[in-house]
């Protein structure tokens, strides 16, 4: 964003002597719903109140 739009980043908090960094997802990679859902099922957490429903 800084190169294309001239956006400047702002850091709130942190330590004075620690260098701040930012990162993103390389190439827009992400995890699909089915991958996350199968991980939840394999750990036995599907009955948890925050687990996503079966679609």
Protein backbone atom coordinates (compact mmCIF):
# COMPACT_ATOMS: atom_id res chain seq x y z
CA UNK A 1 0.00 0.00 0.00
CA UNK A 2 2.85 2.37 0.74
CA UNK A 3 4.35 1.91 -2.73
CA UNK A 4 1.09 2.19 -4.68
CA UNK A 5 -1.00 4.59 -2.62
CA UNK A 6 1.53 6.43 -0.45
CA UNK A 7 -0.01 5.02 2.74
CA UNK A 8 2.00 5.47 5.92
CA UNK A 9 1.77 2.88 8.67
CA UNK A 10 0.99 3.72 12.27
CA UNK A 11 1.94 1.57 15.26
CA UNK A 12 -0.05 1.90 18.47
CA UNK A 13 1.61 0.37 21.50
CA UNK A 14 4.72 -1.77 21.40
CA UNK A 15 8.15 -1.13 22.86
CA UNK A 16 10.41 1.77 22.03
CA UNK A 17 13.52 -0.34 21.38
CA UNK A 18 11.79 -3.12 19.36
CA UNK A 19 11.59 -2.81 15.59
CA UNK A 20 7.99 -3.02 14.32
CA UNK A 21 7.16 -5.30 11.39
CA UNK A 22 4.10 -6.19 9.40
CA UNK A 23 3.29 -9.14 7.22
CA UNK A 24 0.58 -10.56 5.04
CA UNK A 25 -0.35 -13.74 3.30
CA UNK A 26 2.08 -14.68 0.55
CA UNK A 27 0.30 -14.85 -2.77
CA UNK A 28 -3.09 -14.57 -1.11
CA UNK A 29 -2.86 -18.07 0.34
CA UNK A 30 -5.48 -18.96 2.89
CA UNK A 31 -7.05 -22.00 4.51
CA UNK A 32 -10.39 -23.19 3.22
CA UNK A 33 -13.44 -23.83 5.37
CA UNK A 34 -13.29 -27.57 4.69
CA UNK A 35 -9.70 -27.76 5.97
CA UNK A 36 -10.55 -25.91 9.16
CA UNK A 37 -13.71 -27.99 9.65
CA UNK A 38 -11.85 -31.29 9.26
CA UNK A 39 -9.21 -30.12 11.78
CA UNK A 40 -11.96 -29.27 14.28
CA UNK A 41 -13.56 -32.69 13.77
CA UNK A 42 -10.25 -34.55 14.12
CA UNK A 43 -9.54 -32.89 17.47
CA UNK A 44 -12.99 -33.72 18.81
CA UNK A 45 -14.06 -30.09 19.19
CA UNK A 46 -17.08 -30.20 16.89
CA UNK A 47 -19.44 -30.16 19.91
CA UNK A 48 -17.94 -26.88 21.19
CA UNK A 49 -20.34 -23.94 21.12
CA UNK A 50 -17.99 -21.90 18.89
CA UNK A 51 -17.44 -24.66 16.31
CA UNK A 52 -18.87 -23.90 12.86
CA UNK A 53 -21.97 -25.83 11.78
CA UNK A 54 -21.85 -28.64 9.24
CA UNK A 55 -22.63 -27.27 5.81
